[in-house]
């Protein structure tokens, strides 16, 4: 079975994800994967096949991350806590919270300091801007301008992100009040993240082990 079909066998489709830091971390320091992982949400169906093969793999990694996340029982527990506060936007807020936890626990997962990693991501994406569509270009401009990746470690950065999302939400979301549920459920959700994230990394590493090895060898 082809990789695309493995990811979509249950017909699941996730329109947008906001855990940008996790997606970049799970690009395994492979620059084309970083690019594909970043632009994946702006692509539909099999249009990724028109891209360079390594960038296309980054798109598939992104989709695999989202599928595994959205079908994992531990993540479902986090969203159960958040649903009374945010309704159908609970998954959006969970993405942001989990990137906050990743930033807080960064040294556990990566020997490269967060600031150095973030600068490398921005430099890499800037180098590949020629392959970005208009939506990706806009997202990248705001990401770098407001240092989304670096600011995930700060409560103030989470607050700004959620208020920005609330302004763009199609329906009332309560995301502008997102810090109170973070504080109320912090320990439990942090525990969920610590339990879930190594499993996610192991899953993606195994699924794409050959592609990761080839890309890292080529760099």
C-alpha atoms as a PDB file:
ATOM      1  CA  UNK A   1       0.000   0.000   0.000  1.00  0.00           C
ATOM      2  CA  UNK A   2       1.340   3.421  -0.912  1.00  0.00           C
ATOM      3  CA  UNK A   3       2.160   5.895   1.854  1.00  0.00           C
ATOM      4  CA  UNK A   4      -0.629   8.292   0.843  1.00  0.00           C
ATOM      5  CA  UNK A   5      -3.187   5.499   1.084  1.00  0.00           C
ATOM      6  CA  UNK A   6      -1.860   4.382   4.484  1.00  0.00           C
ATOM      7  CA  UNK A   7      -2.505   7.860   5.862  1.00  0.00           C
ATOM      8  CA  UNK A   8      -5.995   8.194   4.377  1.00  0.00           C
ATOM      9  CA  UNK A   9      -7.425   4.676   4.621  1.00  0.00           C
ATOM     10  CA  UNK A  10     -10.154   5.786   7.037  1.00  0.00           C
ATOM     11  CA  UNK A  11     -11.159   8.729   4.879  1.00  0.00           C
ATOM     12  CA  UNK A  12     -10.024  11.157   7.559  1.00  0.00           C
ATOM     13  CA  UNK A  13      -9.265  14.688   6.378  1.00  0.00           C
ATOM     14  CA  UNK A  14      -7.904  17.421   8.611  1.00  0.00           C
ATOM     15  CA  UNK A  15      -8.204  20.882   7.002  1.00  0.00           C
ATOM     16  CA  UNK A  16      -5.670  22.838   9.040  1.00  0.00           C
ATOM     17  CA  UNK A  17      -3.158  22.352  11.844  1.00  0.00           C
ATOM     18  CA  UNK A  18      -1.506  24.920  14.069  1.00  0.00           C
ATOM     19  CA  UNK A  19       1.229  22.995  15.851  1.00  0.00           C
ATOM     20  CA  UNK A  20       3.919  24.586  13.684  1.00  0.00           C
ATOM     21  CA  UNK A  21       6.784  23.919  16.076  1.00  0.00           C
ATOM     22  CA  UNK A  22       6.029  20.204  16.324  1.00  0.00           C
ATOM     23  CA  UNK A  23       5.817  19.899  12.546  1.00  0.00           C
ATOM     24  CA  UNK A  24       9.188  21.554  12.107  1.00  0.00           C
ATOM     25  CA  UNK A  25      10.777  19.464  14.839  1.00  0.00           C
ATOM     26  CA  UNK A  26       9.419  16.324  13.180  1.00  0.00           C
ATOM     27  CA  UNK A  27      11.127  17.278   9.926  1.00  0.00           C
ATOM     28  CA  UNK A  28      14.237  15.614  11.394  1.00  0.00           C
ATOM     29  CA  UNK A  29      16.585  18.469  10.451  1.00  0.00           C
ATOM     30  CA  UNK A  30      15.917  17.751   6.768  1.00  0.00           C
ATOM     31  CA  UNK A  31      15.420  21.051   4.983  1.00  0.00           C
ATOM     32  CA  UNK A  32      13.117  19.856   2.180  1.00  0.00           C
ATOM     33  CA  UNK A  33      10.974  18.127   4.811  1.00  0.00           C
ATOM     34  CA  UNK A  34      10.727  21.435   6.696  1.00  0.00           C
ATOM     35  CA  UNK A  35       9.367  23.056   3.550  1.00  0.00           C
ATOM     36  CA  UNK A  36       6.859  20.324   2.770  1.00  0.00           C
ATOM     37  CA  UNK A  37       5.765  20.190   6.387  1.00  0.00           C
ATOM     38  CA  UNK A  38       5.155  23.942   6.369  1.00  0.00           C
ATOM     39  CA  UNK A  39       3.207  24.208   3.104  1.00  0.00           C
ATOM     40  CA  UNK A  40       1.203  20.991   3.524  1.00  0.00           C
ATOM     41  CA  UNK A  41      -1.953  22.659   4.824  1.00  0.00           C
ATOM     42  CA  UNK A  42      -2.182  24.816   1.690  1.00  0.00           C
ATOM     43  CA  UNK A  43      -2.177  21.786  -0.618  1.00  0.00           C
ATOM     44  CA  UNK A  44      -5.117  19.582  -1.480  1.00  0.00           C
ATOM     45  CA  UNK A  45      -5.292  15.961  -2.506  1.00  0.00           C
ATOM     46  CA  UNK A  46      -2.372  14.698  -4.536  1.00  0.00           C
ATOM     47  CA  UNK A  47      -1.118  18.075  -5.752  1.00  0.00           C
ATOM     48  CA  UNK A  48       1.977  17.431  -3.640  1.00  0.00           C
ATOM     49  CA  UNK A  49       3.126  15.002  -6.340  1.00  0.00           C
ATOM     50  CA  UNK A  50       4.068  18.007  -8.496  1.00  0.00           C
ATOM     51  CA  UNK A  51       6.730  18.999  -5.965  1.00  0.00           C
ATOM     52  CA  UNK A  52      10.313  17.849  -5.593  1.00  0.00           C
ATOM     53  CA  UNK A  53      10.267  14.332  -4.101  1.00  0.00           C
ATOM     54  CA  UNK A  54      11.850  15.314  -0.775  1.00  0.00           C
ATOM     55  CA  UNK A  55       9.465  18.260  -0.317  1.00  0.00           C
ATOM     56  CA  UNK A  56       6.570  15.950  -1.190  1.00  0.00           C
ATOM     57  CA  UNK A  57       7.755  13.600   1.558  1.00  0.00           C
ATOM     58  CA  UNK A  58       7.567  16.536   3.976  1.00  0.00           C
ATOM     59  CA  UNK A  59       3.920  16.981   3.000  1.00  0.00           C
ATOM     60  CA  UNK A  60       3.246  13.316   3.728  1.00  0.00           C
ATOM     61  CA  UNK A  61       5.041  13.589   7.061  1.00  0.00           C
ATOM     62  CA  UNK A  62       2.790  16.522   7.948  1.00  0.00           C
ATOM     63  CA  UNK A  63      -0.321  14.545   7.073  1.00  0.00           C
ATOM     64  CA  UNK A  64       0.906  11.528   9.008  1.00  0.00           C
ATOM     65  CA  UNK A  65       1.521  13.709  12.079  1.00  0.00           C
ATOM     66  CA  UNK A  66      -1.985  15.145  11.884  1.00  0.00           C
ATOM     67  CA  UNK A  67      -3.626  11.771  11.366  1.00  0.00           C
ATOM     68  CA  UNK A  68      -1.785  10.151  14.275  1.00  0.00           C
ATOM     69  CA  UNK A  69      -2.495  13.138  16.530  1.00  0.00           C
ATOM     70  CA  UNK A  70      -6.176  13.327  15.728  1.00  0.00           C
ATOM     71  CA  UNK A  71      -6.766   9.615  16.290  1.00  0.00           C
ATOM     72  CA  UNK A  72      -4.712   9.204  19.487  1.00  0.00           C
ATOM     73  CA  UNK A  73      -6.633   8.525  22.725  1.00  0.00           C
ATOM     74  CA  UNK A  74      -4.331  10.680  24.875  1.00  0.00           C
ATOM     75  CA  UNK A  75      -4.931  13.690  22.628  1.00  0.00           C
ATOM     76  CA  UNK A  76      -8.644  12.947  22.830  1.00  0.00           C
ATOM     77  CA  UNK A  77      -8.380  13.328  26.609  1.00  0.00           C
ATOM     78  CA  UNK A  78      -6.849  16.797  26.193  1.00  0.00           C
ATOM     79  CA  UNK A  79      -9.602  17.812  23.823  1.00  0.00           C
ATOM     80  CA  UNK A  80     -12.224  16.470  26.229  1.00  0.00           C
ATOM     81  CA  UNK A  81     -10.901  18.925  28.820  1.00  0.00           C
ATOM     82  CA  UNK A  82     -10.958  21.780  26.318  1.00  0.00           C
ATOM     83  CA  UNK A  83     -14.306  21.173  24.648  1.00  0.00           C
ATOM     84  CA  UNK A  84     -16.409  22.853  27.385  1.00  0.00           C
ATOM     85  CA  UNK A  85     -14.296  25.992  26.921  1.00  0.00           C
ATOM     86  CA  UNK A  86     -13.878  26.100  23.139  1.00  0.00           C
ATOM     87  CA  UNK A  87     -16.397  23.751  21.551  1.00  0.00           C
ATOM     88  CA  UNK A  88     -15.373  22.678  18.057  1.00  0.00           C
ATOM     89  CA  UNK A  89     -12.235  24.840  18.336  1.00  0.00           C
ATOM     90  CA  UNK A  90     -10.832  22.543  21.029  1.00  0.00           C
ATOM     91  CA  UNK A  91      -8.536  20.839  18.496  1.00  0.00           C
ATOM     92  CA  UNK A  92      -7.141  24.201  17.409  1.00  0.00           C
ATOM     93  CA  UNK A  93      -6.359  25.201  20.988  1.00  0.00           C
ATOM     94  CA  UNK A  94      -4.875  21.778  21.729  1.00  0.00           C
ATOM     95  CA  UNK A  95      -2.424  22.250  18.840  1.00  0.00           C
ATOM     96  CA  UNK A  96      -1.275  25.573  20.285  1.00  0.00           C
ATOM     97  CA  UNK A  97      -1.022  24.236  23.834  1.00  0.00           C
ATOM     98  CA  UNK A  98       1.012  21.232  22.698  1.00  0.00           C
ATOM     99  CA  UNK A  99       3.499  23.480  20.922  1.00  0.00           C
ATOM    100  CA  UNK A 100       3.774  25.415  24.193  1.00  0.00           C
ATOM    101  CA  UNK A 101       4.618  22.205  26.020  1.00  0.00           C
ATOM    102  CA  UNK A 102       7.109  21.219  23.326  1.00  0.00           C
ATOM    103  CA  UNK A 103       8.860  24.583  23.687  1.00  0.00           C
ATOM    104  CA  UNK A 104       8.936  24.220  27.484  1.00  0.00           C
ATOM    105  CA  UNK A 105      10.392  20.704  27.243  1.00  0.00           C
ATOM    106  CA  UNK A 106      12.567  21.445  24.218  1.00  0.00           C
ATOM    107  CA  UNK A 107      15.859  20.374  25.775  1.00  0.00           C
ATOM    108  CA  UNK A 108      14.406  16.934  26.440  1.00  0.00           C
ATOM    109  CA  UNK A 109      13.926  16.281  22.745  1.00  0.00           C
ATOM    110  CA  UNK A 110      16.541  18.291  20.892  1.00  0.00           C
ATOM    111  CA  UNK A 111      20.200  19.067  21.596  1.00  0.00           C
ATOM    112  CA  UNK A 112      20.018  22.146  19.364  1.00  0.00           C
ATOM    113  CA  UNK A 113      18.885  25.168  21.434  1.00  0.00           C
ATOM    114  CA  UNK A 114      15.415  26.381  20.549  1.00  0.00           C
ATOM    115  CA  UNK A 115      16.606  29.813  19.382  1.00  0.00           C
ATOM    116  CA  UNK A 116      19.169  28.237  17.041  1.00  0.00           C
ATOM    117  CA  UNK A 117      16.595  25.772  15.710  1.00  0.00           C
ATOM    118  CA  UNK A 118      14.043  28.526  15.085  1.00  0.00           C
ATOM    119  CA  UNK A 119      16.557  30.673  13.184  1.00  0.00           C
ATOM    120  CA  UNK A 120      17.455  27.694  11.013  1.00  0.00           C
ATOM    121  CA  UNK A 121      13.788  27.043  10.221  1.00  0.00           C
ATOM    122  CA  UNK A 122      13.197  30.641   9.181  1.00  0.00           C
ATOM    123  CA  UNK A 123      16.366  30.681   7.060  1.00  0.00           C
ATOM    124  CA  UNK A 124      15.440  27.402   5.404  1.00  0.00           C
ATOM    125  CA  UNK A 125      11.889  28.428   4.590  1.00  0.00           C
ATOM    126  CA  UNK A 126      13.099  31.748   3.238  1.00  0.00           C
ATOM    127  CA  UNK A 127      15.508  29.911   0.925  1.00  0.00           C
ATOM    128  CA  UNK A 128      12.657  27.827  -0.514  1.00  0.00           C
ATOM    129  CA  UNK A 129      10.073  30.619  -0.877  1.00  0.00           C
ATOM    130  CA  UNK A 130       9.965  30.099  -4.643  1.00  0.00           C
ATOM    131  CA  UNK A 131       7.871  26.961  -4.129  1.00  0.00           C
ATOM    132  CA  UNK A 132       5.384  28.661  -1.769  1.00  0.00           C
ATOM    133  CA  UNK A 133       1.899  29.448  -2.969  1.00  0.00           C
ATOM    134  CA  UNK A 134       0.279  32.715  -1.913  1.00  0.00           C
ATOM    135  CA  UNK A 135      -1.240  31.289   1.249  1.00  0.00           C
ATOM    136  CA  UNK A 136       2.105  29.831   2.355  1.00  0.00           C
ATOM    137  CA  UNK A 137       3.852  33.127   1.657  1.00  0.00           C
ATOM    138  CA  UNK A 138       1.399  35.025   3.858  1.00  0.00           C
ATOM    139  CA  UNK A 139       1.708  32.485   6.665  1.00  0.00           C
ATOM    140  CA  UNK A 140       5.496  32.556   6.511  1.00  0.00           C
ATOM    141  CA  UNK A 141       5.607  36.343   6.587  1.00  0.00           C
ATOM    142  CA  UNK A 142       3.529  36.454   9.778  1.00  0.00           C
ATOM    143  CA  UNK A 143       5.345  33.498  11.328  1.00  0.00           C
ATOM    144  CA  UNK A 144       8.742  35.134  10.971  1.00  0.00           C
ATOM    145  CA  UNK A 145       7.567  38.701  11.611  1.00  0.00           C
ATOM    146  CA  UNK A 146       5.981  37.727  14.930  1.00  0.00           C
ATOM    147  CA  UNK A 147       8.349  34.824  15.718  1.00  0.00           C
ATOM    148  CA  UNK A 148       5.580  32.312  16.235  1.00  0.00           C
ATOM    149  CA  UNK A 149       8.014  29.440  16.767  1.00  0.00           C
ATOM    150  CA  UNK A 150      10.160  31.201  19.351  1.00  0.00           C
ATOM    151  CA  UNK A 151       7.209  32.666  21.205  1.00  0.00           C
ATOM    152  CA  UNK A 152       5.502  29.345  21.856  1.00  0.00           C
ATOM    153  CA  UNK A 153       7.584  29.058  25.031  1.00  0.00           C
ATOM    154  CA  UNK A 154       5.971  32.177  26.549  1.00  0.00           C
ATOM    155  CA  UNK A 155       2.477  32.420  27.997  1.00  0.00           C
ATOM    156  CA  UNK A 156       2.228  35.867  26.412  1.00  0.00           C
ATOM    157  CA  UNK A 157       2.987  34.333  23.028  1.00  0.00           C
ATOM    158  CA  UNK A 158       0.242  31.748  23.489  1.00  0.00           C
ATOM    159  CA  UNK A 159      -2.158  34.517  24.485  1.00  0.00           C
ATOM    160  CA  UNK A 160      -1.355  36.537  21.337  1.00  0.00           C
ATOM    161  CA  UNK A 161      -1.725  33.469  19.130  1.00  0.00           C
ATOM    162  CA  UNK A 162      -5.098  32.520  20.538  1.00  0.00           C
ATOM    163  CA  UNK A 163      -6.439  36.083  20.394  1.00  0.00           C
ATOM    164  CA  UNK A 164      -5.344  36.309  16.766  1.00  0.00           C
ATOM    165  CA  UNK A 165      -7.088  33.024  16.000  1.00  0.00           C
ATOM    166  CA  UNK A 166     -10.238  34.213  17.778  1.00  0.00           C
ATOM    167  CA  UNK A 167     -10.365  37.306  15.567  1.00  0.00           C
ATOM    168  CA  UNK A 168     -10.243  35.131  12.452  1.00  0.00           C
ATOM    169  CA  UNK A 169     -12.624  32.419  13.658  1.00  0.00           C
ATOM    170  CA  UNK A 170     -15.870  32.041  11.739  1.00  0.00           C
ATOM    171  CA  UNK A 171     -17.883  31.514  14.922  1.00  0.00           C
ATOM    172  CA  UNK A 172     -17.535  32.573  18.570  1.00  0.00           C
ATOM    173  CA  UNK A 173     -14.650  30.505  19.898  1.00  0.00           C
ATOM    174  CA  UNK A 174     -13.660  31.860  23.334  1.00  0.00           C
ATOM    175  CA  UNK A 175     -10.027  31.463  22.225  1.00  0.00           C
ATOM    176  CA  UNK A 176      -9.368  35.041  23.305  1.00  0.00           C
ATOM    177  CA  UNK A 177      -9.744  33.691  26.864  1.00  0.00           C
ATOM    178  CA  UNK A 178      -7.448  30.758  26.251  1.00  0.00           C
ATOM    179  CA  UNK A 179      -5.033  31.309  29.137  1.00  0.00           C
ATOM    180  CA  UNK A 180      -7.506  30.442  31.880  1.00  0.00           C
ATOM    181  CA  UNK A 181      -8.113  26.855  30.683  1.00  0.00           C
ATOM    182  CA  UNK A 182      -4.370  26.453  30.129  1.00  0.00           C
ATOM    183  CA  UNK A 183      -3.744  27.380  33.752  1.00  0.00           C
ATOM    184  CA  UNK A 184      -6.659  25.337  35.075  1.00  0.00           C
ATOM    185  CA  UNK A 185      -5.646  22.120  33.318  1.00  0.00           C
ATOM    186  CA  UNK A 186      -1.909  22.724  32.916  1.00  0.00           C
ATOM    187  CA  UNK A 187      -0.559  19.739  34.849  1.00  0.00           C
ATOM    188  CA  UNK A 188      -2.992  17.248  33.329  1.00  0.00           C
ATOM    189  CA  UNK A 189      -2.472  18.434  29.764  1.00  0.00           C
ATOM    190  CA  UNK A 190       1.295  18.614  30.196  1.00  0.00           C
ATOM    191  CA  UNK A 191       1.123  14.996  31.330  1.00  0.00           C
ATOM    192  CA  UNK A 192      -0.835  14.137  28.210  1.00  0.00           C
ATOM    193  CA  UNK A 193       1.795  15.793  26.044  1.00  0.00           C
ATOM    194  CA  UNK A 194       4.716  14.075  27.766  1.00  0.00           C
ATOM    195  CA  UNK A 195       3.000  10.735  27.271  1.00  0.00           C
ATOM    196  CA  UNK A 196       1.982  11.392  23.676  1.00  0.00           C
ATOM    197  CA  UNK A 197       4.886  13.176  22.007  1.00  0.00           C
ATOM    198  CA  UNK A 198       7.550  10.437  22.207  1.00  0.00           C
ATOM    199  CA  UNK A 199       5.012   8.015  20.735  1.00  0.00           C
ATOM    200  CA  UNK A 200       4.320  10.438  17.884  1.00  0.00           C
ATOM    201  CA  UNK A 201       8.020  10.879  17.170  1.00  0.00           C
ATOM    202  CA  UNK A 202       8.605   7.122  17.214  1.00  0.00           C
ATOM    203  CA  UNK A 203       5.652   6.535  14.893  1.00  0.00           C
ATOM    204  CA  UNK A 204       6.769   9.096  12.314  1.00  0.00           C
ATOM    205  CA  UNK A 205      10.429   8.041  12.561  1.00  0.00           C
ATOM    206  CA  UNK A 206       9.519   4.438  11.838  1.00  0.00           C
ATOM    207  CA  UNK A 207       7.062   5.272   9.078  1.00  0.00           C
ATOM    208  CA  UNK A 208       9.570   7.424   7.188  1.00  0.00           C
ATOM    209  CA  UNK A 209      12.850   5.874   8.295  1.00  0.00           C
ATOM    210  CA  UNK A 210      14.178   5.273   4.768  1.00  0.00           C
ATOM    211  CA  UNK A 211      13.264   8.745   3.535  1.00  0.00           C
ATOM    212  CA  UNK A 212      14.798  10.369   6.632  1.00  0.00           C
ATOM    213  CA  UNK A 213      18.036   8.473   6.198  1.00  0.00           C
ATOM    214  CA  UNK A 214      18.297   9.440   2.517  1.00  0.00           C
ATOM    215  CA  UNK A 215      17.592  13.108   3.177  1.00  0.00           C
ATOM    216  CA  UNK A 216      20.012  13.391   6.086  1.00  0.00           C
ATOM    217  CA  UNK A 217      22.725  11.672   4.051  1.00  0.00           C
ATOM    218  CA  UNK A 218      22.165  14.053   1.133  1.00  0.00           C
ATOM    219  CA  UNK A 219      22.592  17.201   3.247  1.00  0.00           C
END
